[in-house]
Amino acid sequence: MSAPVLLVLGAGPGVGLTVARLFAGDGYAVFLATRLAEEAEPLVAELRGEGHTADGGGVDLSDPADITRLVTEVGAQLGRIDVLHFNPSMFREADPLELSVPELIEDFTIGAAALLPAVQGALPFFADGARVLVTGSAAADKPWNKAASLGVQKAAVRNLVTSLDTTLAPKGFRAVAVQINGVLGSGAFTRDLVAEALHAAATRSLDEWTPHVSYDG
């Protein structure tokens, strides 16, 4: 049987890469999807330099067809998807009186709606016990008015995970959103500690499963 596979959408040098490193340490083959293919290259090189199996590529998360393409290619290439980590968010400094409808829709599409084609595309490749892992934020409950679209994204994606988990459970798959209730990079919210919380949430037993986990440090 081939190694289990982690696919990270919205990968970057922070939490996305650190989560990938934890799963790679568990024996997973990792695929890092960034906005542009060249952005994935140094991240992949870092993991390979540590002895892990890793690859990467670019995907336009505003384009459902491109998401489907990327996820399908990864599933076909690696033969399975065991954990799909949805990590993107769009930060736009604009309050509700400044934010336009097209801007809100653009941010929402990438930070929340893109999860739909990602899961739908991955479904035929999900291995037994596959998991969908979503990086959430305290902005879902306590939005900063100066970045109004971020709160909409995080509230929406958390809600969507609830429906996804209920829908996937009879098929033997589960989904979880981990709400990070702190500022990334400080105190108990370093990327290493946040990544450990995400990894732990995705690898829980079914007896412990809930679609939402709060990380409070």
C-alpha atoms as a PDB file:
ATOM      1  CA  MET A   1       0.000   0.000   0.000  1.00  0.00           C
ATOM      2  CA  SER A   2       1.268   3.493  -0.867  1.00  0.00           C
ATOM      3  CA  ALA A   3       2.119   6.021   1.825  1.00  0.00           C
ATOM      4  CA  PRO A   4      -0.724   8.193   3.137  1.00  0.00           C
ATOM      5  CA  VAL A   5      -1.023  11.587   1.456  1.00  0.00           C
ATOM      6  CA  LEU A   6      -1.454  15.110   2.821  1.00  0.00           C
ATOM      7  CA  LEU A   7      -2.591  17.786   0.382  1.00  0.00           C
ATOM      8  CA  VAL A   8      -2.274  21.365   1.641  1.00  0.00           C
ATOM      9  CA  LEU A   9      -4.221  24.074  -0.181  1.00  0.00           C
ATOM     10  CA  GLY A  10      -3.042  27.580   0.571  1.00  0.00           C
ATOM     11  CA  ALA A  11       0.375  26.384   1.709  1.00  0.00           C
ATOM     12  CA  GLY A  12       2.935  28.898   2.884  1.00  0.00           C
ATOM     13  CA  PRO A  13       6.146  29.072   4.910  1.00  0.00           C
ATOM     14  CA  GLY A  14       4.280  29.399   8.213  1.00  0.00           C
ATOM     15  CA  VAL A  15       1.534  27.159   9.579  1.00  0.00           C
ATOM     16  CA  GLY A  16       0.956  25.325   6.283  1.00  0.00           C
ATOM     17  CA  LEU A  17       4.556  24.170   6.001  1.00  0.00           C
ATOM     18  CA  THR A  18       4.769  23.304   9.701  1.00  0.00           C
ATOM     19  CA  VAL A  19       1.616  21.172   9.549  1.00  0.00           C
ATOM     20  CA  ALA A  20       3.059  19.459   6.482  1.00  0.00           C
ATOM     21  CA  ARG A  21       6.287  18.730   8.365  1.00  0.00           C
ATOM     22  CA  LEU A  22       4.350  17.073  11.205  1.00  0.00           C
ATOM     23  CA  PHE A  23       2.426  14.805   8.828  1.00  0.00           C
ATOM     24  CA  ALA A  24       5.592  14.073   6.867  1.00  0.00           C
ATOM     25  CA  GLY A  25       7.140  12.938  10.140  1.00  0.00           C
ATOM     26  CA  ASP A  26       4.240  10.488  10.428  1.00  0.00           C
ATOM     27  CA  GLY A  27       5.224   8.985   7.078  1.00  0.00           C
ATOM     28  CA  TYR A  28       2.900  10.975   4.830  1.00  0.00           C
ATOM     29  CA  ALA A  29       3.794  12.036   1.315  1.00  0.00           C
ATOM     30  CA  VAL A  30       3.076  15.759   1.130  1.00  0.00           C
ATOM     31  CA  PHE A  31       1.810  17.957  -1.698  1.00  0.00           C
ATOM     32  CA  LEU A  32       1.933  21.714  -1.147  1.00  0.00           C
ATOM     33  CA  ALA A  33      -0.364  23.821  -3.322  1.00  0.00           C
ATOM     34  CA  THR A  34       0.517  27.508  -3.474  1.00  0.00           C
ATOM     35  CA  ARG A  35      -0.768  30.370  -5.610  1.00  0.00           C
ATOM     36  CA  LEU A  36       2.075  29.991  -8.111  1.00  0.00           C
ATOM     37  CA  ALA A  37       4.090  26.848  -8.736  1.00  0.00           C
ATOM     38  CA  GLU A  38       7.382  28.640  -8.116  1.00  0.00           C
ATOM     39  CA  GLU A  39       6.198  29.630  -4.632  1.00  0.00           C
ATOM     40  CA  ALA A  40       5.990  25.954  -3.709  1.00  0.00           C
ATOM     41  CA  GLU A  41       9.543  25.136  -4.810  1.00  0.00           C
ATOM     42  CA  PRO A  42      11.457  26.397  -1.736  1.00  0.00           C
ATOM     43  CA  LEU A  43       8.915  24.823   0.624  1.00  0.00           C
ATOM     44  CA  VAL A  44       9.187  21.468  -1.131  1.00  0.00           C
ATOM     45  CA  ALA A  45      12.982  21.734  -1.158  1.00  0.00           C
ATOM     46  CA  GLU A  46      12.980  22.357   2.593  1.00  0.00           C
ATOM     47  CA  LEU A  47      10.946  19.224   3.304  1.00  0.00           C
ATOM     48  CA  ARG A  48      12.984  17.117   0.896  1.00  0.00           C
ATOM     49  CA  GLY A  49      16.151  18.382   2.542  1.00  0.00           C
ATOM     50  CA  GLU A  50      14.835  16.949   5.811  1.00  0.00           C
ATOM     51  CA  GLY A  51      14.341  13.565   4.172  1.00  0.00           C
ATOM     52  CA  HIS A  52      10.616  13.794   3.535  1.00  0.00           C
ATOM     53  CA  THR A  53       8.625  12.944   0.417  1.00  0.00           C
ATOM     54  CA  ALA A  54       7.192  16.188  -0.938  1.00  0.00           C
ATOM     55  CA  ASP A  55       6.000  17.839  -4.112  1.00  0.00           C
ATOM     56  CA  GLY A  56       4.150  21.022  -4.967  1.00  0.00           C
ATOM     57  CA  GLY A  57       2.332  23.044  -7.564  1.00  0.00           C
ATOM     58  CA  GLY A  58       0.277  26.142  -8.218  1.00  0.00           C
ATOM     59  CA  VAL A  59      -3.491  26.586  -8.069  1.00  0.00           C
ATOM     60  CA  ASP A  60      -5.866  29.519  -8.479  1.00  0.00           C
ATOM     61  CA  LEU A  61      -8.193  29.209  -5.496  1.00  0.00           C
ATOM     62  CA  SER A  62     -10.581  31.720  -7.046  1.00  0.00           C
ATOM     63  CA  ASP A  63     -11.226  29.296  -9.921  1.00  0.00           C
ATOM     64  CA  PRO A  64     -13.220  26.141  -9.054  1.00  0.00           C
ATOM     65  CA  ALA A  65     -12.116  24.441 -12.279  1.00  0.00           C
ATOM     66  CA  ASP A  66      -8.457  24.979 -11.444  1.00  0.00           C
ATOM     67  CA  ILE A  67      -8.994  23.635  -7.932  1.00  0.00           C
ATOM     68  CA  THR A  68     -10.615  20.526  -9.386  1.00  0.00           C
ATOM     69  CA  ARG A  69      -7.720  20.142 -11.815  1.00  0.00           C
ATOM     70  CA  LEU A  70      -5.076  20.345  -9.101  1.00  0.00           C
ATOM     71  CA  VAL A  71      -6.830  18.042  -6.645  1.00  0.00           C
ATOM     72  CA  THR A  72      -7.570  15.486  -9.356  1.00  0.00           C
ATOM     73  CA  GLU A  73      -3.969  15.543 -10.568  1.00  0.00           C
ATOM     74  CA  VAL A  74      -2.654  15.011  -7.033  1.00  0.00           C
ATOM     75  CA  GLY A  75      -5.093  12.187  -6.363  1.00  0.00           C
ATOM     76  CA  ALA A  76      -4.254  10.466  -9.633  1.00  0.00           C
ATOM     77  CA  GLN A  77      -0.504  10.968  -9.219  1.00  0.00           C
ATOM     78  CA  LEU A  78      -0.264   9.771  -5.617  1.00  0.00           C
ATOM     79  CA  GLY A  79      -3.127   7.304  -5.722  1.00  0.00           C
ATOM     80  CA  ARG A  80      -4.960   8.555  -2.633  1.00  0.00           C
ATOM     81  CA  ILE A  81      -5.671  11.555  -0.393  1.00  0.00           C
ATOM     82  CA  ASP A  82      -5.800  10.966   3.353  1.00  0.00           C
ATOM     83  CA  VAL A  83      -5.806  14.499   4.737  1.00  0.00           C
ATOM     84  CA  LEU A  84      -6.928  17.585   2.837  1.00  0.00           C
ATOM     85  CA  HIS A  85      -5.737  20.697   4.693  1.00  0.00           C
ATOM     86  CA  PHE A  86      -7.581  23.849   3.653  1.00  0.00           C
ATOM     87  CA  ASN A  87      -5.413  26.724   4.862  1.00  0.00           C
ATOM     88  CA  PRO A  88      -6.124  29.873   2.795  1.00  0.00           C
ATOM     89  CA  SER A  89      -7.502  33.175   4.005  1.00  0.00           C
ATOM     90  CA  MET A  90      -7.683  36.600   2.428  1.00  0.00           C
ATOM     91  CA  PHE A  91      -6.726  39.622   4.497  1.00  0.00           C
ATOM     92  CA  ARG A  92      -7.993  42.903   3.119  1.00  0.00           C
ATOM     93  CA  GLU A  93      -7.883  46.010   5.297  1.00  0.00           C
ATOM     94  CA  ALA A  94     -11.296  47.494   4.574  1.00  0.00           C
ATOM     95  CA  ASP A  95     -14.148  48.195   6.965  1.00  0.00           C
ATOM     96  CA  PRO A  96     -17.806  47.536   6.045  1.00  0.00           C
ATOM     97  CA  LEU A  97     -18.231  51.062   4.727  1.00  0.00           C
ATOM     98  CA  GLU A  98     -15.216  50.698   2.440  1.00  0.00           C
ATOM     99  CA  LEU A  99     -15.556  47.064   1.386  1.00  0.00           C
ATOM    100  CA  SER A 100     -17.232  46.566  -1.985  1.00  0.00           C
ATOM    101  CA  VAL A 101     -19.430  43.632  -2.910  1.00  0.00           C
ATOM    102  CA  PRO A 102     -16.956  42.379  -5.563  1.00  0.00           C
ATOM    103  CA  GLU A 103     -14.140  42.525  -2.995  1.00  0.00           C
ATOM    104  CA  LEU A 104     -16.164  40.622  -0.412  1.00  0.00           C
ATOM    105  CA  ILE A 105     -17.107  37.967  -2.956  1.00  0.00           C
ATOM    106  CA  GLU A 106     -13.490  37.646  -4.124  1.00  0.00           C
ATOM    107  CA  ASP A 107     -12.222  37.133  -0.580  1.00  0.00           C
ATOM    108  CA  PHE A 108     -15.075  34.795   0.365  1.00  0.00           C
ATOM    109  CA  THR A 109     -14.493  32.684  -2.737  1.00  0.00           C
ATOM    110  CA  ILE A 110     -10.866  31.986  -1.815  1.00  0.00           C
ATOM    111  CA  GLY A 111     -11.208  31.816   1.953  1.00  0.00           C
ATOM    112  CA  ALA A 112     -14.384  29.729   2.189  1.00  0.00           C
ATOM    113  CA  ALA A 113     -16.142  28.713  -1.035  1.00  0.00           C
ATOM    114  CA  ALA A 114     -13.000  27.149  -2.502  1.00  0.00           C
ATOM    115  CA  LEU A 115     -13.390  24.365   0.056  1.00  0.00           C
ATOM    116  CA  LEU A 116     -16.341  22.978  -1.937  1.00  0.00           C
ATOM    117  CA  PRO A 117     -14.553  22.077  -5.206  1.00  0.00           C
ATOM    118  CA  ALA A 118     -11.547  20.953  -3.159  1.00  0.00           C
ATOM    119  CA  VAL A 119     -13.530  18.340  -1.246  1.00  0.00           C
ATOM    120  CA  GLN A 120     -15.678  17.388  -4.220  1.00  0.00           C
ATOM    121  CA  GLY A 121     -12.570  16.847  -6.334  1.00  0.00           C
ATOM    122  CA  ALA A 122     -10.781  14.914  -3.597  1.00  0.00           C
ATOM    123  CA  LEU A 123     -13.704  12.644  -2.731  1.00  0.00           C
ATOM    124  CA  PRO A 124     -12.978   9.926  -5.354  1.00  0.00           C
ATOM    125  CA  PHE A 125      -9.428   9.677  -3.991  1.00  0.00           C
ATOM    126  CA  PHE A 126     -10.201   9.705  -0.270  1.00  0.00           C
ATOM    127  CA  ALA A 127      -8.641   6.731   1.481  1.00  0.00           C
ATOM    128  CA  ASP A 128     -10.419   4.956   4.329  1.00  0.00           C
ATOM    129  CA  GLY A 129     -10.716   7.323   7.265  1.00  0.00           C
ATOM    130  CA  ALA A 130      -9.777  10.427   5.261  1.00  0.00           C
ATOM    131  CA  ARG A 131      -9.945  13.790   7.005  1.00  0.00           C
ATOM    132  CA  VAL A 132     -10.652  17.373   5.931  1.00  0.00           C
ATOM    133  CA  LEU A 133      -8.745  19.838   8.115  1.00  0.00           C
ATOM    134  CA  VAL A 134      -9.565  23.565   8.005  1.00  0.00           C
ATOM    135  CA  THR A 135      -7.613  26.392   9.620  1.00  0.00           C
ATOM    136  CA  GLY A 136     -10.085  28.621  11.407  1.00  0.00           C
ATOM    137  CA  SER A 137      -9.775  31.894  13.282  1.00  0.00           C
ATOM    138  CA  ALA A 138     -11.234  33.840  16.185  1.00  0.00           C
ATOM    139  CA  ALA A 139     -12.335  36.316  13.512  1.00  0.00           C
ATOM    140  CA  ALA A 140     -15.327  34.034  12.992  1.00  0.00           C
ATOM    141  CA  ASP A 141     -16.731  35.239  16.335  1.00  0.00           C
ATOM    142  CA  LYS A 142     -14.812  38.464  16.959  1.00  0.00           C
ATOM    143  CA  PRO A 143     -14.183  40.101  13.600  1.00  0.00           C
ATOM    144  CA  TRP A 144     -11.964  43.138  13.356  1.00  0.00           C
ATOM    145  CA  ASN A 145     -14.079  45.767  11.651  1.00  0.00           C
ATOM    146  CA  LYS A 146     -11.055  47.009   9.706  1.00  0.00           C
ATOM    147  CA  ALA A 147     -10.797  43.612   7.951  1.00  0.00           C
ATOM    148  CA  ALA A 148     -14.465  42.786   7.648  1.00  0.00           C
ATOM    149  CA  SER A 149     -14.142  40.201   4.890  1.00  0.00           C
ATOM    150  CA  LEU A 150     -11.886  37.971   6.994  1.00  0.00           C
ATOM    151  CA  GLY A 151     -14.572  37.475   9.631  1.00  0.00           C
ATOM    152  CA  VAL A 152     -17.091  36.558   6.936  1.00  0.00           C
ATOM    153  CA  GLN A 153     -14.679  33.993   5.478  1.00  0.00           C
ATOM    154  CA  LYS A 154     -13.941  32.337   8.808  1.00  0.00           C
ATOM    155  CA  ALA A 155     -17.541  32.250  10.012  1.00  0.00           C
ATOM    156  CA  ALA A 156     -18.662  30.807   6.695  1.00  0.00           C
ATOM    157  CA  VAL A 157     -15.966  28.156   6.409  1.00  0.00           C
ATOM    158  CA  ARG A 158     -16.635  26.983   9.977  1.00  0.00           C
ATOM    159  CA  ASN A 159     -20.323  26.655   9.183  1.00  0.00           C
ATOM    160  CA  LEU A 160     -19.524  24.806   5.972  1.00  0.00           C
ATOM    161  CA  VAL A 161     -17.333  22.330   7.859  1.00  0.00           C
ATOM    162  CA  THR A 162     -20.307  21.419  10.048  1.00  0.00           C
ATOM    163  CA  SER A 163     -22.307  20.437   6.977  1.00  0.00           C
ATOM    164  CA  LEU A 164     -19.332  18.684   5.404  1.00  0.00           C
ATOM    165  CA  ASP A 165     -18.659  16.588   8.487  1.00  0.00           C
ATOM    166  CA  THR A 166     -22.297  15.483   8.714  1.00  0.00           C
ATOM    167  CA  THR A 167     -22.331  14.625   5.003  1.00  0.00           C
ATOM    168  CA  LEU A 168     -18.985  12.815   4.975  1.00  0.00           C
ATOM    169  CA  ALA A 169     -19.422  10.818   8.189  1.00  0.00           C
ATOM    170  CA  PRO A 170     -21.604   8.046   6.683  1.00  0.00           C
ATOM    171  CA  LYS A 171     -18.877   7.511   4.059  1.00  0.00           C
ATOM    172  CA  GLY A 172     -16.243   7.015   6.755  1.00  0.00           C
ATOM    173  CA  PHE A 173     -14.627  10.437   6.352  1.00  0.00           C
ATOM    174  CA  ARG A 174     -14.669  13.416   8.731  1.00  0.00           C
ATOM    175  CA  ALA A 175     -14.102  17.177   8.650  1.00  0.00           C
ATOM    176  CA  VAL A 176     -12.885  19.580  11.333  1.00  0.00           C
ATOM    177  CA  ALA A 177     -12.292  23.311  11.613  1.00  0.00           C
ATOM    178  CA  VAL A 178      -9.727  24.347  14.208  1.00  0.00           C
ATOM    179  CA  GLN A 179     -10.408  27.842  15.491  1.00  0.00           C
ATOM    180  CA  ILE A 180      -7.208  29.629  16.460  1.00  0.00           C
ATOM    181  CA  ASN A 181      -8.231  32.011  19.242  1.00  0.00           C
ATOM    182  CA  GLY A 182      -5.129  34.178  19.281  1.00  0.00           C
ATOM    183  CA  VAL A 183      -2.676  36.160  17.199  1.00  0.00           C
ATOM    184  CA  LEU A 184      -0.378  33.959  15.160  1.00  0.00           C
ATOM    185  CA  GLY A 185       3.287  34.227  16.024  1.00  0.00           C
ATOM    186  CA  SER A 186       3.054  35.342  19.631  1.00  0.00           C
ATOM    187  CA  GLY A 187       3.071  33.571  23.000  1.00  0.00           C
ATOM    188  CA  ALA A 188       1.194  30.275  22.848  1.00  0.00           C
ATOM    189  CA  PHE A 189       0.306  30.918  19.202  1.00  0.00           C
ATOM    190  CA  THR A 190       3.627  30.292  17.492  1.00  0.00           C
ATOM    191  CA  ARG A 191       3.348  28.476  14.201  1.00  0.00           C
ATOM    192  CA  ASP A 192       4.755  25.320  15.816  1.00  0.00           C
ATOM    193  CA  LEU A 193       2.131  25.236  18.576  1.00  0.00           C
ATOM    194  CA  VAL A 194      -0.717  26.103  16.211  1.00  0.00           C
ATOM    195  CA  ALA A 195       0.447  23.415  13.776  1.00  0.00           C
ATOM    196  CA  GLU A 196       0.533  20.872  16.594  1.00  0.00           C
ATOM    197  CA  ALA A 197      -3.075  21.760  17.463  1.00  0.00           C
ATOM    198  CA  LEU A 198      -4.157  21.314  13.844  1.00  0.00           C
ATOM    199  CA  HIS A 199      -2.310  18.004  13.548  1.00  0.00           C
ATOM    200  CA  ALA A 200      -3.824  16.735  16.796  1.00  0.00           C
ATOM    201  CA  ALA A 201      -7.346  17.679  15.720  1.00  0.00           C
ATOM    202  CA  ALA A 202      -7.031  15.782  12.437  1.00  0.00           C
ATOM    203  CA  THR A 203      -5.536  12.650  13.986  1.00  0.00           C
ATOM    204  CA  ARG A 204      -8.035  12.154  16.840  1.00  0.00           C
ATOM    205  CA  SER A 205      -9.966   8.928  17.175  1.00  0.00           C
ATOM    206  CA  LEU A 206     -13.598   8.785  16.092  1.00  0.00           C
ATOM    207  CA  ASP A 207     -14.628   8.515  19.746  1.00  0.00           C
ATOM    208  CA  GLU A 208     -13.209  11.994  20.278  1.00  0.00           C
ATOM    209  CA  TRP A 209     -14.401  13.507  17.012  1.00  0.00           C
ATOM    210  CA  THR A 210     -16.141  16.875  16.805  1.00  0.00           C
ATOM    211  CA  PRO A 211     -16.376  19.114  13.720  1.00  0.00           C
ATOM    212  CA  HIS A 212     -15.033  22.088  15.650  1.00  0.00           C
ATOM    213  CA  VAL A 213     -11.979  22.435  17.885  1.00  0.00           C
ATOM    214  CA  SER A 214     -10.889  25.611  19.634  1.00  0.00           C
ATOM    215  CA  TYR A 215      -7.219  26.242  20.284  1.00  0.00           C
ATOM    216  CA  ASP A 216      -6.907  28.768  23.085  1.00  0.00           C
ATOM    217  CA  GLY A 217      -3.226  28.343  23.785  1.00  0.00           C
END
